[in-house]
Amino acid sequence: MTTKLETLPAPSKKAPAGKPTNPRRPRKNRESPGTLAFSRQARSKALIKHAILIVTGGVMIYPLLWMVVSSLRSNELIFREPGLWLNSLEMGNYTDGWSALTHPFGHYMINSAVVVLGSILGNLISCSMAAYAFARLQFTGQKIFFGIMLLTIMLPFHVVIVPQYILFSQIGWVNTFWPLIVPKLLATDAFFVFLMVQFIRGIPRELDEAARIDGAGHPRIFLRVILPLMVPALATTTIFTFIWTWNDFFGALIYLTDPDMFTVPVALRAFVDSQSATSWGSLFAMSIVSLLPVFLVFLFGQRFLIRGIATTGIK
């Protein structure tokens, strides 16, 4: 009787506890001396660039910081101590400056707000419609008119101020807000028209064709399709219009002669002429107050500003 011996597998040798089963260890990536020198050189260049940027930023922001500090000093110490260190706070500059002119300073801020609001609405309506016409409509002389529109960007405002003043004077609009608002309703800011044209050209035409198949005409396509997609460009137009109109001094100085109609920049100029000895502390204090709306608008709208400039349509 023969028996078959079954071959059993040899018992495996267990590795002792505490030692890894794989004796090979991963090799560490050793950087060559040339790579180390290159990385050190790149770091040193980055540090030098950041240092230059910090110093340049400090130089540029110093006048603003000096104005803030000067608004908290007495008139005798403003030009005597040019540094940024404060020995005492003079909060009376803000209270005195608020009521130094014929009306409280808030009255002039309301005047500027009226002009800014009208200018923003005018640019948003007129520039968006003109941009849609240049970007989507086909008409005779389109390229010629578009080129003329771009040429107006290089035309200085001082060239057209005299004929505009004569026109508005004959109409009887001098010393009113209309000369500052009505031109915005006529798409005179070619920069915003060009910005919106480039944005609309980035929107796919398939959206227009789909809306046209559903029976929509140009007004409905503009209101229902194009305009909702133009939010970044419209936000950019709003921010720039607010900043430029709020800080506009020359136009308001030409058309507004009644102190009741003064805007903020003209009211600040009145501090110098209101009395023989200029109250610099009050002037700086009201300058800080007038900068707060601009700072807040730019702070909360900078992401829309960057998106509107960086994008050219749907990605």
Protein backbone atom coordinates (compact mmCIF):
# COMPACT_ATOMS: atom_id res chain seq x y z
CA MET A 1 0.00 0.00 0.00
CA THR A 2 1.51 3.20 -1.14
CA THR A 3 0.83 6.51 0.54
CA LYS A 4 1.19 9.87 -1.12
CA LEU A 5 3.04 12.42 0.87
CA GLU A 6 1.63 15.88 0.50
CA THR A 7 4.26 18.57 0.33
CA LEU A 8 3.47 21.32 2.76
CA PRO A 9 4.85 24.81 2.23
CA ALA A 10 7.89 25.62 4.25
CA PRO A 11 7.18 27.81 7.21
CA SER A 12 8.04 31.42 6.46
CA LYS A 13 10.46 33.17 8.63
CA LYS A 14 8.81 36.03 10.40
CA ALA A 15 10.73 39.22 10.63
CA PRO A 16 11.60 40.23 14.13
CA ALA A 17 9.31 42.79 15.67
CA GLY A 18 10.35 46.38 15.43
CA LYS A 19 12.21 46.02 12.11
CA PRO A 20 10.69 46.89 8.72
CA THR A 21 10.10 44.03 6.32
CA ASN A 22 11.62 45.95 3.44
CA PRO A 23 15.27 46.57 4.16
CA ARG A 24 15.51 49.19 1.43
CA ARG A 25 14.95 52.74 2.58
CA PRO A 26 13.75 55.56 0.30
CA ARG A 27 16.58 57.71 -0.88
CA LYS A 28 16.51 61.34 0.04
CA ASN A 29 16.62 63.81 -2.81
CA ARG A 30 19.88 65.54 -2.42
CA GLU A 31 20.14 68.93 -4.05
CA SER A 32 23.27 69.65 -5.96
CA PRO A 33 25.43 72.62 -4.95
CA GLY A 34 24.34 74.44 -8.12
CA THR A 35 20.65 74.03 -7.25
CA LEU A 36 21.23 75.27 -3.69
CA ALA A 37 23.07 78.31 -4.97
CA PHE A 38 20.28 79.03 -7.47
CA SER A 39 17.58 78.78 -4.77
CA ARG A 40 19.55 81.07 -2.46
CA GLN A 41 20.02 83.56 -5.27
CA ALA A 42 16.28 83.48 -6.08
CA ARG A 43 15.41 84.03 -2.42
CA SER A 44 17.78 86.97 -2.16
CA LYS A 45 16.28 88.52 -5.30
CA ALA A 46 12.77 88.05 -3.90
CA LEU A 47 13.79 89.68 -0.62
CA ILE A 48 15.31 92.65 -2.47
CA LYS A 49 12.17 93.06 -4.60
CA HIS A 50 9.91 92.96 -1.56
CA ALA A 51 12.11 95.45 0.26
CA ILE A 52 11.98 97.84 -2.70
CA LEU A 53 8.20 97.46 -2.94
CA ILE A 54 7.79 98.13 0.78
CA VAL A 55 9.97 101.24 0.65
CA THR A 56 8.20 102.52 -2.47
CA GLY A 57 4.79 101.86 -0.92
CA GLY A 58 5.85 103.72 2.22
CA VAL A 59 6.99 106.72 0.18
CA MET A 60 3.73 106.79 -1.76
CA ILE A 61 1.48 106.44 1.29
CA TYR A 62 3.43 108.95 3.40
CA PRO A 63 1.52 112.05 2.16
CA LEU A 64 -1.80 110.41 3.03
CA LEU A 65 -0.56 109.42 6.48
CA TRP A 66 0.80 112.93 7.00
CA MET A 67 -2.59 114.41 6.09
CA VAL A 68 -4.33 112.11 8.57
CA VAL A 69 -1.88 113.07 11.31
CA SER A 70 -2.10 116.77 10.40
CA SER A 71 -5.88 116.67 10.75
CA LEU A 72 -5.33 115.76 14.41
CA ARG A 73 -2.88 118.63 15.10
CA SER A 74 -3.35 122.29 15.82
CA ASN A 75 -2.68 124.79 13.03
CA GLU A 76 0.53 125.98 14.68
CA LEU A 77 2.10 122.51 14.67
CA ILE A 78 1.08 121.25 11.22
CA PHE A 79 4.04 122.66 9.29
CA ARG A 80 6.32 122.94 12.29
CA GLU A 81 6.39 119.18 12.91
CA PRO A 82 6.50 117.27 9.60
CA GLY A 83 6.79 113.87 11.28
CA LEU A 84 4.05 111.33 11.95
CA TRP A 85 4.36 111.29 15.74
CA LEU A 86 1.46 112.84 17.66
CA ASN A 87 1.98 114.44 21.05
CA SER A 88 -1.69 115.39 21.44
CA LEU A 89 -4.96 114.90 19.58
CA GLU A 90 -6.84 117.91 18.23
CA MET A 91 -10.30 116.54 17.44
CA GLY A 92 -11.71 120.05 17.15
CA ASN A 93 -10.54 120.24 13.53
CA TYR A 94 -13.32 117.87 12.51
CA THR A 95 -16.07 119.70 14.37
CA ASP A 96 -14.83 123.12 13.22
CA GLY A 97 -14.37 122.00 9.62
CA TRP A 98 -17.83 120.45 9.46
CA SER A 99 -19.48 123.84 10.13
CA ALA A 100 -16.81 126.24 8.84
CA LEU A 101 -18.55 127.07 5.54
CA THR A 102 -21.97 128.50 4.74
CA HIS A 103 -23.62 125.09 5.09
CA PRO A 104 -22.56 121.99 7.03
CA PHE A 105 -20.12 119.87 5.09
CA GLY A 106 -22.74 117.15 4.77
CA HIS A 107 -24.69 119.49 2.45
CA TYR A 108 -21.84 119.44 -0.08
CA MET A 109 -21.50 115.68 0.23
CA ILE A 110 -25.18 115.34 -0.66
CA ASN A 111 -24.63 117.56 -3.72
CA SER A 112 -21.76 115.34 -4.81
CA ALA A 113 -23.89 112.24 -4.20
CA VAL A 114 -26.62 113.62 -6.49
CA VAL A 115 -24.13 114.29 -9.29
CA VAL A 116 -22.45 110.90 -8.80
CA LEU A 117 -25.75 109.01 -8.84
CA GLY A 118 -26.90 110.74 -12.02
CA SER A 119 -23.54 110.15 -13.70
CA ILE A 120 -23.52 106.45 -12.78
CA LEU A 121 -27.03 105.89 -14.11
CA GLY A 122 -26.21 107.81 -17.28
CA ASN A 123 -23.04 105.84 -18.00
CA LEU A 124 -24.62 102.48 -17.26
CA ILE A 125 -27.60 103.08 -19.54
CA SER A 126 -26.01 104.93 -22.44
CA CYS A 127 -22.63 103.18 -22.59
CA SER A 128 -24.15 99.70 -22.39
CA MET A 129 -26.58 100.45 -25.22
CA ALA A 130 -23.85 101.96 -27.40
CA ALA A 131 -21.57 98.99 -26.68
CA TYR A 132 -24.30 96.52 -27.67
CA ALA A 133 -24.80 98.40 -30.94
CA PHE A 134 -21.10 98.28 -31.80
CA ALA A 135 -20.66 94.66 -30.73
CA ARG A 136 -23.82 93.00 -32.10
CA LEU A 137 -25.48 95.21 -34.72
CA GLN A 138 -24.39 95.55 -38.34
CA PHE A 139 -24.86 99.00 -39.86
CA THR A 140 -23.21 101.20 -42.45
CA GLY A 141 -20.04 102.89 -41.26
CA GLN A 142 -19.78 100.80 -38.11
CA LYS A 143 -15.98 100.61 -38.13
CA ILE A 144 -15.65 104.31 -38.94
CA PHE A 145 -17.90 105.37 -36.08
CA PHE A 146 -16.13 102.96 -33.73
CA GLY A 147 -12.77 104.47 -34.68
CA ILE A 148 -14.11 108.00 -34.14
CA MET A 149 -15.38 106.91 -30.75
CA LEU A 150 -11.93 105.60 -29.83
CA LEU A 151 -10.32 108.84 -31.00
CA THR A 152 -12.39 110.80 -28.50
CA ILE A 153 -10.52 109.02 -25.69
CA MET A 154 -7.41 111.01 -26.67
CA LEU A 155 -9.37 114.29 -26.82
CA PRO A 156 -8.68 116.37 -23.66
CA PHE A 157 -11.65 117.62 -21.69
CA HIS A 158 -10.29 121.18 -21.80
CA VAL A 159 -10.70 121.29 -25.59
CA VAL A 160 -14.48 120.91 -25.49
CA ILE A 161 -15.18 122.81 -22.26
CA VAL A 162 -15.58 126.19 -24.00
CA PRO A 163 -18.20 125.14 -26.60
CA GLN A 164 -19.99 123.08 -23.96
CA TYR A 165 -20.11 126.04 -21.59
CA ILE A 166 -21.50 128.29 -24.34
CA LEU A 167 -24.15 125.68 -25.19
CA PHE A 168 -25.25 125.11 -21.59
CA SER A 169 -25.18 128.85 -20.90
CA GLN A 170 -27.59 129.50 -23.79
CA ILE A 171 -29.86 126.74 -22.51
CA GLY A 172 -29.76 128.23 -19.03
CA TRP A 173 -28.20 125.27 -17.26
CA VAL A 174 -25.24 127.09 -15.71
CA ASN A 175 -25.22 126.82 -11.91
CA THR A 176 -27.22 123.59 -12.06
CA PHE A 177 -26.27 119.91 -11.94
CA TRP A 178 -27.48 119.24 -15.49
CA PRO A 179 -24.19 120.09 -17.30
CA LEU A 180 -22.46 117.50 -15.11
CA ILE A 181 -25.08 114.76 -15.60
CA VAL A 182 -26.61 115.15 -19.08
CA PRO A 183 -23.37 114.40 -21.04
CA LYS A 184 -23.21 111.05 -19.25
CA LEU A 185 -26.60 110.16 -20.75
CA LEU A 186 -25.12 110.57 -24.25
CA ALA A 187 -22.32 107.96 -23.89
CA THR A 188 -19.55 110.56 -23.93
CA ASP A 189 -17.19 108.38 -21.87
CA ALA A 190 -15.64 106.35 -24.69
CA PHE A 191 -13.49 104.35 -22.28
CA PHE A 192 -16.53 102.63 -20.80
CA VAL A 193 -18.05 102.03 -24.24
CA PHE A 194 -14.83 100.34 -25.38
CA LEU A 195 -14.67 98.29 -22.16
CA MET A 196 -18.21 96.99 -22.63
CA VAL A 197 -17.72 96.33 -26.33
CA GLN A 198 -14.77 94.06 -25.57
CA PHE A 199 -16.79 92.32 -22.87
CA ILE A 200 -19.81 91.73 -25.12
CA ARG A 201 -17.61 90.37 -27.90
CA GLY A 202 -16.49 87.66 -25.49
CA ILE A 203 -20.06 86.47 -24.94
CA PRO A 204 -20.92 83.57 -27.31
CA ARG A 205 -23.24 84.53 -30.16
CA GLU A 206 -25.04 81.20 -29.75
CA LEU A 207 -26.93 82.76 -26.85
CA ASP A 208 -28.22 85.52 -29.13
CA GLU A 209 -29.20 82.99 -31.80
CA ALA A 210 -31.07 80.84 -29.27
CA ALA A 211 -32.99 83.87 -28.04
CA ARG A 212 -33.71 84.95 -31.63
CA ILE A 213 -35.14 81.48 -32.39
CA ASP A 214 -37.51 81.97 -29.46
CA GLY A 215 -38.74 85.15 -31.10
CA ALA A 216 -36.71 87.73 -29.15
CA GLY A 217 -35.62 90.95 -30.81
CA HIS A 218 -32.61 93.12 -30.07
CA PRO A 219 -34.19 94.97 -27.09
CA ARG A 220 -35.17 91.70 -25.41
CA ILE A 221 -31.82 90.06 -26.19
CA PHE A 222 -30.02 93.06 -24.70
CA LEU A 223 -32.17 93.15 -21.54
CA ARG A 224 -32.62 89.42 -20.93
CA VAL A 225 -29.40 87.86 -22.27
CA ILE A 226 -26.54 90.33 -22.59
CA LEU A 227 -27.18 92.71 -19.69
CA PRO A 228 -27.26 90.03 -16.92
CA LEU A 229 -23.92 88.70 -18.18
CA MET A 230 -22.32 92.15 -18.12
CA VAL A 231 -22.32 92.50 -14.33
CA PRO A 232 -18.48 92.65 -14.01
CA ALA A 233 -18.21 95.33 -16.71
CA LEU A 234 -21.11 97.30 -15.23
CA ALA A 235 -19.54 97.12 -11.78
CA THR A 236 -16.23 98.38 -13.18
CA THR A 237 -18.04 101.28 -14.86
CA THR A 238 -19.84 102.11 -11.62
CA ILE A 239 -16.66 102.18 -9.54
CA PHE A 240 -14.66 104.27 -12.00
CA THR A 241 -17.54 106.69 -12.55
CA PHE A 242 -17.97 107.13 -8.80
CA ILE A 243 -14.29 107.86 -8.21
CA TRP A 244 -13.86 110.19 -11.18
CA THR A 245 -17.09 112.13 -10.59
CA TRP A 246 -16.62 112.42 -6.84
CA ASN A 247 -13.13 113.86 -7.34
CA ASP A 248 -14.06 116.07 -10.31
CA PHE A 249 -13.00 119.63 -9.51
CA PHE A 250 -12.64 121.39 -12.85
CA GLY A 251 -16.11 120.69 -14.22
CA ALA A 252 -17.86 121.61 -10.98
CA LEU A 253 -15.76 124.78 -10.68
CA ILE A 254 -16.76 125.89 -14.19
CA TYR A 255 -20.50 125.29 -13.98
CA LEU A 256 -21.30 125.80 -10.28
CA THR A 257 -21.00 129.36 -8.94
CA ASP A 258 -23.61 129.36 -6.17
CA PRO A 259 -22.18 128.15 -2.82
CA ASP A 260 -25.42 126.22 -2.25
CA MET A 261 -24.60 124.06 -5.30
CA PHE A 262 -20.95 123.34 -4.49
CA THR A 263 -19.74 119.76 -4.58
CA VAL A 264 -17.10 118.37 -2.23
CA PRO A 265 -13.95 119.35 -4.22
CA VAL A 266 -15.17 122.94 -4.71
CA ALA A 267 -16.18 123.16 -1.05
CA LEU A 268 -12.69 122.06 -0.02
CA ARG A 269 -11.25 124.81 -2.21
CA ALA A 270 -13.48 127.28 -0.39
CA PHE A 271 -11.59 126.61 2.86
CA VAL A 272 -8.61 128.49 1.46
CA ASP A 273 -10.67 131.54 0.47
CA SER A 274 -13.11 131.60 3.37
CA GLN A 275 -10.78 133.56 5.64
CA SER A 276 -7.45 135.36 5.47
CA ALA A 277 -5.67 132.79 7.68
CA THR A 278 -6.35 129.36 6.20
CA SER A 279 -7.45 126.74 8.70
CA TRP A 280 -5.28 123.89 7.47
CA GLY A 281 -6.38 121.55 10.22
CA SER A 282 -10.05 121.86 9.24
CA LEU A 283 -9.14 121.53 5.57
CA PHE A 284 -7.22 118.31 6.16
CA ALA A 285 -9.97 116.96 8.40
CA MET A 286 -12.67 117.48 5.76
CA SER A 287 -10.34 116.04 3.13
CA ILE A 288 -10.18 112.85 5.16
CA VAL A 289 -13.97 112.83 5.46
CA SER A 290 -14.34 113.28 1.69
CA LEU A 291 -11.95 110.37 1.04
CA LEU A 292 -13.94 107.90 3.13
CA PRO A 293 -16.67 107.22 0.50
CA VAL A 294 -14.04 106.65 -2.19
CA PHE A 295 -12.10 104.31 0.07
CA LEU A 296 -15.20 102.30 1.01
CA VAL A 297 -16.40 101.99 -2.59
CA PHE A 298 -12.99 100.77 -3.74
CA LEU A 299 -12.64 98.43 -0.74
CA PHE A 300 -15.95 96.63 -1.27
CA GLY A 301 -15.89 96.77 -5.07
CA GLN A 302 -12.30 95.84 -5.88
CA ARG A 303 -13.14 92.21 -6.63
CA PHE A 304 -15.72 93.33 -9.21
CA LEU A 305 -13.21 95.82 -10.55
CA ILE A 306 -10.54 93.18 -11.07
CA ARG A 307 -13.02 90.72 -12.56
CA GLY A 308 -14.41 93.29 -14.97
CA ILE A 309 -10.97 94.28 -16.27
CA ALA A 310 -9.48 90.78 -16.36
CA THR A 311 -12.36 88.94 -18.01
CA THR A 312 -13.58 89.38 -21.55
CA GLY A 313 -16.65 87.13 -21.49
CA ILE A 314 -17.78 83.70 -20.43
CA LYS A 315 -15.08 81.13 -19.71
